[in-house]
Amino acid sequence: GGLFAGTEESPGELILYQGRSYKLYRGMGSLEAMKQGSKDRYSQCEAEGADKLVPEGIVGRVPYRGSLSGNIFQLIGGLKAGMGYLGCRTLDELREKARFIRITAAGLKESHVHEVIITQEAPNYRLE
């Protein structure tokens, strides 16, 4: 649910916090959303009063990510790059050739940039 949560087109107020832009994010299973009508989605229609609801989501903020079209452009670019690395010309070829390998948390950390302070952020890269 959070892939496009920070985009311009997503619901939620755009806020400035400590010099950075964020979008407010409210999961449909959050207490706030349930109070406003989503409790039927979570089989809690019979709950009377907010103290009887059992939330399964949160309310928070996510980094603002610009336009949806810009984010989709980056996702497609990443997919194309991955297909190029595998020598795949079609999605069917990708499905046949792709192999996913589970790595450890240490391996994930090592695969990111390290011992460098990023001074110019890229639209398709974040450490979180």
N, C-alpha and C. Protein backbone atom coordinates (compact mmCIF):
# COMPACT_ATOMS: atom_id res chain seq x y z
N GLY A 1 0.79 -1.19 0.00
CA GLY A 1 0.00 0.00 0.00
C GLY A 1 0.83 1.26 0.00
N GLY A 2 2.12 1.18 0.30
CA GLY A 2 2.90 2.39 0.44
C GLY A 2 3.73 2.78 -0.77
N LEU A 3 3.70 1.99 -1.84
CA LEU A 3 4.56 2.26 -2.99
C LEU A 3 4.34 3.66 -3.56
N PHE A 4 3.08 4.06 -3.69
CA PHE A 4 2.77 5.37 -4.26
C PHE A 4 2.25 6.35 -3.21
N ALA A 5 2.38 6.01 -1.94
CA ALA A 5 1.80 6.83 -0.86
C ALA A 5 2.37 8.24 -0.81
N GLY A 6 3.60 8.44 -1.20
CA GLY A 6 4.20 9.77 -1.13
C GLY A 6 4.06 10.60 -2.38
N THR A 7 3.28 10.13 -3.35
CA THR A 7 3.16 10.86 -4.61
C THR A 7 2.16 12.01 -4.50
N GLU A 8 2.30 12.93 -5.43
CA GLU A 8 1.41 14.09 -5.49
C GLU A 8 -0.06 13.67 -5.55
N GLU A 9 -0.35 12.62 -6.31
CA GLU A 9 -1.73 12.21 -6.55
C GLU A 9 -2.34 11.42 -5.40
N SER A 10 -1.55 10.94 -4.48
CA SER A 10 -2.09 10.14 -3.38
C SER A 10 -2.82 11.04 -2.39
N PRO A 11 -3.82 10.48 -1.70
CA PRO A 11 -4.51 11.28 -0.69
C PRO A 11 -3.56 11.59 0.46
N GLY A 12 -3.85 12.61 1.17
CA GLY A 12 -3.02 12.99 2.32
C GLY A 12 -2.43 14.37 2.13
N GLU A 13 -2.32 15.06 3.23
CA GLU A 13 -1.81 16.42 3.22
C GLU A 13 -0.30 16.42 3.02
N LEU A 14 0.20 17.39 2.25
CA LEU A 14 1.63 17.59 2.08
C LEU A 14 2.11 18.47 3.24
N ILE A 15 3.11 17.99 3.98
CA ILE A 15 3.60 18.75 5.14
C ILE A 15 5.11 18.94 5.04
N LEU A 16 5.60 19.94 5.72
CA LEU A 16 7.03 20.19 5.82
C LEU A 16 7.45 19.85 7.24
N TYR A 17 8.44 18.97 7.39
CA TYR A 17 8.92 18.57 8.71
C TYR A 17 10.44 18.58 8.68
N GLN A 18 11.04 19.39 9.52
CA GLN A 18 12.50 19.52 9.61
C GLN A 18 13.14 19.74 8.24
N GLY A 19 12.53 20.62 7.46
CA GLY A 19 13.08 21.00 6.17
C GLY A 19 12.84 20.04 5.03
N ARG A 20 12.09 18.96 5.25
CA ARG A 20 11.80 17.98 4.20
C ARG A 20 10.30 17.87 4.00
N SER A 21 9.90 17.54 2.79
CA SER A 21 8.48 17.40 2.48
C SER A 21 8.02 15.96 2.68
N TYR A 22 6.84 15.82 3.26
CA TYR A 22 6.23 14.51 3.51
C TYR A 22 4.76 14.56 3.15
N LYS A 23 4.18 13.39 2.89
CA LYS A 23 2.74 13.26 2.76
C LYS A 23 2.25 12.49 3.98
N LEU A 24 1.13 12.93 4.53
CA LEU A 24 0.52 12.17 5.61
C LEU A 24 -0.04 10.89 5.02
N TYR A 25 0.15 9.79 5.72
CA TYR A 25 -0.27 8.47 5.25
C TYR A 25 -1.18 7.86 6.30
N ARG A 26 -2.33 7.38 5.85
CA ARG A 26 -3.26 6.74 6.77
C ARG A 26 -3.63 5.38 6.19
N GLY A 27 -3.17 4.32 6.84
CA GLY A 27 -3.53 2.98 6.40
C GLY A 27 -5.01 2.73 6.64
N MET A 28 -5.64 1.99 5.75
CA MET A 28 -7.09 1.74 5.87
C MET A 28 -7.44 0.93 7.11
N GLY A 29 -6.46 0.24 7.69
CA GLY A 29 -6.71 -0.50 8.92
C GLY A 29 -6.38 0.29 10.17
N SER A 30 -6.05 1.57 10.00
CA SER A 30 -5.71 2.41 11.16
C SER A 30 -6.97 2.77 11.93
N LEU A 31 -6.79 3.11 13.18
CA LEU A 31 -7.91 3.50 14.03
C LEU A 31 -8.64 4.69 13.43
N GLU A 32 -7.89 5.67 12.93
CA GLU A 32 -8.50 6.87 12.33
C GLU A 32 -9.39 6.50 11.14
N ALA A 33 -8.90 5.62 10.25
CA ALA A 33 -9.70 5.22 9.09
C ALA A 33 -10.92 4.42 9.51
N MET A 34 -10.76 3.56 10.51
CA MET A 34 -11.89 2.76 10.98
C MET A 34 -12.99 3.65 11.56
N LYS A 35 -12.58 4.68 12.27
CA LYS A 35 -13.57 5.61 12.83
C LYS A 35 -14.36 6.30 11.73
N GLN A 36 -13.72 6.47 10.56
CA GLN A 36 -14.36 7.17 9.45
C GLN A 36 -14.99 6.23 8.43
N GLY A 37 -15.12 4.95 8.76
CA GLY A 37 -15.90 4.08 7.89
C GLY A 37 -15.27 2.84 7.33
N SER A 38 -13.99 2.57 7.56
CA SER A 38 -13.39 1.38 6.96
C SER A 38 -13.48 0.15 7.85
N LYS A 39 -14.15 0.25 9.00
CA LYS A 39 -14.17 -0.90 9.92
C LYS A 39 -14.87 -2.12 9.32
N ASP A 40 -15.80 -1.91 8.36
CA ASP A 40 -16.46 -3.05 7.72
C ASP A 40 -15.47 -3.90 6.94
N ARG A 41 -14.42 -3.28 6.42
CA ARG A 41 -13.38 -4.00 5.69
C ARG A 41 -12.61 -4.97 6.58
N TYR A 42 -12.60 -4.70 7.85
CA TYR A 42 -11.81 -5.50 8.79
C TYR A 42 -12.70 -6.28 9.75
N SER A 43 -13.91 -6.58 9.30
CA SER A 43 -14.86 -7.40 10.06
C SER A 43 -15.09 -6.87 11.47
N GLN A 44 -15.20 -5.57 11.60
CA GLN A 44 -15.43 -4.97 12.91
C GLN A 44 -16.66 -4.07 12.89
N CYS A 45 -17.62 -4.40 12.02
CA CYS A 45 -18.84 -3.60 11.90
C CYS A 45 -19.61 -3.53 13.21
N GLU A 46 -19.54 -4.58 13.98
CA GLU A 46 -20.32 -4.65 15.22
C GLU A 46 -19.70 -3.85 16.36
N ALA A 47 -18.46 -3.42 16.18
CA ALA A 47 -17.78 -2.68 17.25
C ALA A 47 -18.48 -1.36 17.51
N GLU A 48 -18.85 -1.14 18.75
CA GLU A 48 -19.50 0.11 19.14
C GLU A 48 -18.51 0.95 19.93
N GLY A 49 -18.12 2.07 19.37
CA GLY A 49 -17.17 2.95 20.03
C GLY A 49 -15.74 2.65 19.63
N ALA A 50 -14.93 3.69 19.57
CA ALA A 50 -13.54 3.55 19.14
C ALA A 50 -12.73 2.64 20.06
N ASP A 51 -13.11 2.55 21.33
CA ASP A 51 -12.35 1.72 22.26
C ASP A 51 -12.54 0.23 21.99
N LYS A 52 -13.51 -0.14 21.15
CA LYS A 52 -13.76 -1.54 20.81
C LYS A 52 -13.14 -1.94 19.47
N LEU A 53 -12.56 -0.98 18.76
CA LEU A 53 -11.92 -1.28 17.48
C LEU A 53 -10.51 -1.82 17.71
N VAL A 54 -10.10 -2.74 16.86
CA VAL A 54 -8.75 -3.30 16.93
C VAL A 54 -8.02 -2.91 15.65
N PRO A 55 -7.21 -1.85 15.69
CA PRO A 55 -6.56 -1.37 14.47
C PRO A 55 -5.51 -2.35 13.95
N GLU A 56 -5.38 -2.38 12.63
CA GLU A 56 -4.37 -3.21 11.97
C GLU A 56 -3.45 -2.36 11.11
N GLY A 57 -3.55 -1.06 11.23
CA GLY A 57 -2.74 -0.15 10.42
C GLY A 57 -2.32 1.05 11.23
N ILE A 58 -1.63 1.96 10.58
CA ILE A 58 -1.07 3.12 11.26
C ILE A 58 -1.38 4.42 10.52
N VAL A 59 -1.15 5.52 11.20
CA VAL A 59 -1.16 6.84 10.60
C VAL A 59 0.25 7.39 10.78
N GLY A 60 0.82 7.93 9.73
CA GLY A 60 2.18 8.46 9.83
C GLY A 60 2.49 9.37 8.66
N ARG A 61 3.77 9.54 8.39
CA ARG A 61 4.18 10.35 7.26
C ARG A 61 5.17 9.55 6.43
N VAL A 62 5.15 9.80 5.13
CA VAL A 62 6.08 9.16 4.20
C VAL A 62 6.77 10.27 3.40
N PRO A 63 8.00 10.05 2.98
CA PRO A 63 8.68 11.08 2.19
C PRO A 63 7.89 11.42 0.93
N TYR A 64 7.83 12.70 0.61
CA TYR A 64 7.16 13.14 -0.61
C TYR A 64 8.00 12.70 -1.80
N ARG A 65 7.37 12.11 -2.81
CA ARG A 65 8.11 11.54 -3.94
C ARG A 65 7.78 12.16 -5.29
N GLY A 66 7.03 13.26 -5.30
CA GLY A 66 6.73 13.91 -6.58
C GLY A 66 5.56 13.25 -7.29
N SER A 67 5.56 13.39 -8.60
CA SER A 67 4.42 12.92 -9.40
C SER A 67 4.39 11.40 -9.54
N LEU A 68 3.20 10.87 -9.70
CA LEU A 68 3.03 9.44 -9.94
C LEU A 68 3.72 9.04 -11.23
N SER A 69 3.58 9.87 -12.28
CA SER A 69 4.19 9.52 -13.56
C SER A 69 5.71 9.44 -13.45
N GLY A 70 6.32 10.33 -12.68
CA GLY A 70 7.77 10.28 -12.48
C GLY A 70 8.20 9.01 -11.76
N ASN A 71 7.42 8.58 -10.78
CA ASN A 71 7.72 7.35 -10.04
C ASN A 71 7.56 6.13 -10.93
N ILE A 72 6.52 6.11 -11.74
CA ILE A 72 6.32 4.99 -12.66
C ILE A 72 7.44 4.94 -13.68
N PHE A 73 7.88 6.10 -14.16
CA PHE A 73 9.00 6.17 -15.10
C PHE A 73 10.24 5.51 -14.49
N GLN A 74 10.53 5.80 -13.21
CA GLN A 74 11.68 5.21 -12.53
C GLN A 74 11.53 3.70 -12.38
N LEU A 75 10.33 3.24 -12.04
CA LEU A 75 10.09 1.79 -11.90
C LEU A 75 10.30 1.07 -13.23
N ILE A 76 9.77 1.65 -14.30
CA ILE A 76 9.93 1.04 -15.62
C ILE A 76 11.40 1.05 -16.02
N GLY A 77 12.11 2.13 -15.72
CA GLY A 77 13.54 2.19 -16.02
C GLY A 77 14.32 1.11 -15.29
N GLY A 78 13.98 0.88 -14.03
CA GLY A 78 14.63 -0.19 -13.27
C GLY A 78 14.33 -1.56 -13.84
N LEU A 79 13.09 -1.77 -14.25
CA LEU A 79 12.70 -3.04 -14.86
C LEU A 79 13.47 -3.26 -16.16
N LYS A 80 13.55 -2.21 -16.98
CA LYS A 80 14.29 -2.33 -18.25
C LYS A 80 15.77 -2.63 -18.00
N ALA A 81 16.36 -1.97 -17.00
CA ALA A 81 17.77 -2.23 -16.69
C ALA A 81 17.97 -3.68 -16.26
N GLY A 82 17.10 -4.16 -15.39
CA GLY A 82 17.18 -5.55 -14.94
C GLY A 82 17.02 -6.53 -16.09
N MET A 83 16.10 -6.22 -16.99
CA MET A 83 15.92 -7.09 -18.16
C MET A 83 17.17 -7.09 -19.03
N GLY A 84 17.81 -5.92 -19.14
CA GLY A 84 19.04 -5.83 -19.92
C GLY A 84 20.15 -6.67 -19.31
N TYR A 85 20.28 -6.63 -17.97
CA TYR A 85 21.31 -7.43 -17.30
C TYR A 85 21.11 -8.92 -17.55
N LEU A 86 19.86 -9.34 -17.67
CA LEU A 86 19.56 -10.75 -17.88
C LEU A 86 19.49 -11.13 -19.36
N GLY A 87 19.56 -10.14 -20.24
CA GLY A 87 19.46 -10.40 -21.68
C GLY A 87 18.05 -10.74 -22.11
N CYS A 88 17.07 -10.19 -21.43
CA CYS A 88 15.66 -10.47 -21.73
C CYS A 88 15.07 -9.35 -22.58
N ARG A 89 14.37 -9.73 -23.64
CA ARG A 89 13.71 -8.74 -24.49
C ARG A 89 12.23 -8.60 -24.19
N THR A 90 11.64 -9.59 -23.53
CA THR A 90 10.21 -9.57 -23.23
C THR A 90 9.98 -9.93 -21.77
N LEU A 91 8.79 -9.61 -21.28
CA LEU A 91 8.45 -9.99 -19.90
C LEU A 91 8.36 -11.50 -19.77
N ASP A 92 7.92 -12.19 -20.81
CA ASP A 92 7.89 -13.65 -20.76
C ASP A 92 9.30 -14.22 -20.57
N GLU A 93 10.26 -13.66 -21.29
CA GLU A 93 11.66 -14.10 -21.12
C GLU A 93 12.14 -13.83 -19.70
N LEU A 94 11.75 -12.68 -19.17
CA LEU A 94 12.15 -12.32 -17.80
C LEU A 94 11.60 -13.34 -16.81
N ARG A 95 10.33 -13.71 -16.98
CA ARG A 95 9.73 -14.70 -16.08
C ARG A 95 10.47 -16.04 -16.14
N GLU A 96 10.95 -16.39 -17.32
CA GLU A 96 11.67 -17.66 -17.48
C GLU A 96 13.08 -17.60 -16.90
N LYS A 97 13.78 -16.49 -17.12
CA LYS A 97 15.20 -16.41 -16.76
C LYS A 97 15.48 -15.91 -15.34
N ALA A 98 14.57 -15.13 -14.79
CA ALA A 98 14.83 -14.49 -13.49
C ALA A 98 14.95 -15.54 -12.39
N ARG A 99 15.95 -15.35 -11.54
CA ARG A 99 16.13 -16.18 -10.36
C ARG A 99 16.33 -15.23 -9.19
N PHE A 100 15.55 -15.43 -8.15
CA PHE A 100 15.65 -14.57 -6.98
C PHE A 100 16.43 -15.30 -5.90
N ILE A 101 17.37 -14.60 -5.32
CA ILE A 101 18.23 -15.19 -4.29
C ILE A 101 18.03 -14.40 -3.00
N ARG A 102 17.71 -15.11 -1.94
CA ARG A 102 17.54 -14.47 -0.64
C ARG A 102 18.92 -14.11 -0.08
N ILE A 103 19.03 -12.88 0.42
CA ILE A 103 20.30 -12.45 1.02
C ILE A 103 20.06 -12.04 2.47
N THR A 104 21.12 -12.00 3.23
CA THR A 104 21.02 -11.62 4.64
C THR A 104 20.92 -10.09 4.76
N ALA A 105 20.59 -9.63 5.96
CA ALA A 105 20.55 -8.19 6.22
C ALA A 105 21.94 -7.59 6.00
N ALA A 106 22.98 -8.33 6.37
CA ALA A 106 24.35 -7.84 6.16
C ALA A 106 24.65 -7.72 4.67
N GLY A 107 24.18 -8.68 3.89
CA GLY A 107 24.38 -8.63 2.44
C GLY A 107 23.65 -7.45 1.81
N LEU A 108 22.46 -7.17 2.31
CA LEU A 108 21.69 -6.02 1.81
C LEU A 108 22.43 -4.72 2.13
N LYS A 109 22.93 -4.62 3.35
CA LYS A 109 23.68 -3.42 3.75
C LYS A 109 24.92 -3.25 2.88
N GLU A 110 25.62 -4.33 2.64
CA GLU A 110 26.84 -4.29 1.84
C GLU A 110 26.55 -3.91 0.38
N SER A 111 25.36 -4.27 -0.12
CA SER A 111 25.03 -3.98 -1.52
C SER A 111 24.67 -2.52 -1.74
N HIS A 112 24.43 -1.78 -0.66
CA HIS A 112 24.16 -0.34 -0.78
C HIS A 112 25.47 0.43 -0.76
N VAL A 113 25.39 1.69 -1.15
CA VAL A 113 26.54 2.57 -1.06
C VAL A 113 27.00 2.63 0.39
N HIS A 114 28.30 2.53 0.63
CA HIS A 114 28.81 2.62 1.99
C HIS A 114 30.11 3.40 1.98
N GLU A 115 30.44 3.97 3.13
CA GLU A 115 31.63 4.79 3.31
C GLU A 115 31.62 6.03 2.41
N VAL A 116 30.42 6.46 2.01
CA VAL A 116 30.24 7.67 1.21
C VAL A 116 29.01 8.38 1.74
N ILE A 117 29.08 9.69 1.85
CA ILE A 117 27.90 10.47 2.21
C ILE A 117 27.29 10.98 0.92
N ILE A 118 26.06 10.59 0.65
CA ILE A 118 25.38 11.00 -0.58
C ILE A 118 25.08 12.49 -0.50
N THR A 119 25.53 13.25 -1.49
CA THR A 119 25.31 14.69 -1.50
C THR A 119 24.25 15.11 -2.51
N GLN A 120 23.94 14.26 -3.47
CA GLN A 120 22.88 14.53 -4.43
C GLN A 120 21.98 13.30 -4.49
N GLU A 121 20.75 13.46 -4.03
CA GLU A 121 19.83 12.33 -4.00
C GLU A 121 19.33 11.99 -5.39
N ALA A 122 19.20 10.71 -5.66
CA ALA A 122 18.64 10.23 -6.92
C ALA A 122 17.17 9.87 -6.69
N PRO A 123 16.33 10.05 -7.70
CA PRO A 123 14.90 9.78 -7.50
C PRO A 123 14.57 8.31 -7.29
N ASN A 124 15.49 7.41 -7.65
CA ASN A 124 15.21 5.98 -7.55
C ASN A 124 16.03 5.27 -6.49
N TYR A 125 16.60 6.02 -5.54
CA TYR A 125 17.45 5.38 -4.53
C TYR A 125 17.19 5.97 -3.16
N ARG A 126 16.98 5.08 -2.20
CA ARG A 126 16.88 5.51 -0.81
C ARG A 126 17.31 4.34 0.08
N LEU A 127 17.82 4.65 1.24
CA LEU A 127 18.34 3.62 2.14
C LEU A 127 17.27 2.97 2.99
N GLU A 128 16.11 3.60 3.16
CA GLU A 128 15.07 3.04 4.04
C GLU A 128 14.58 1.72 3.52
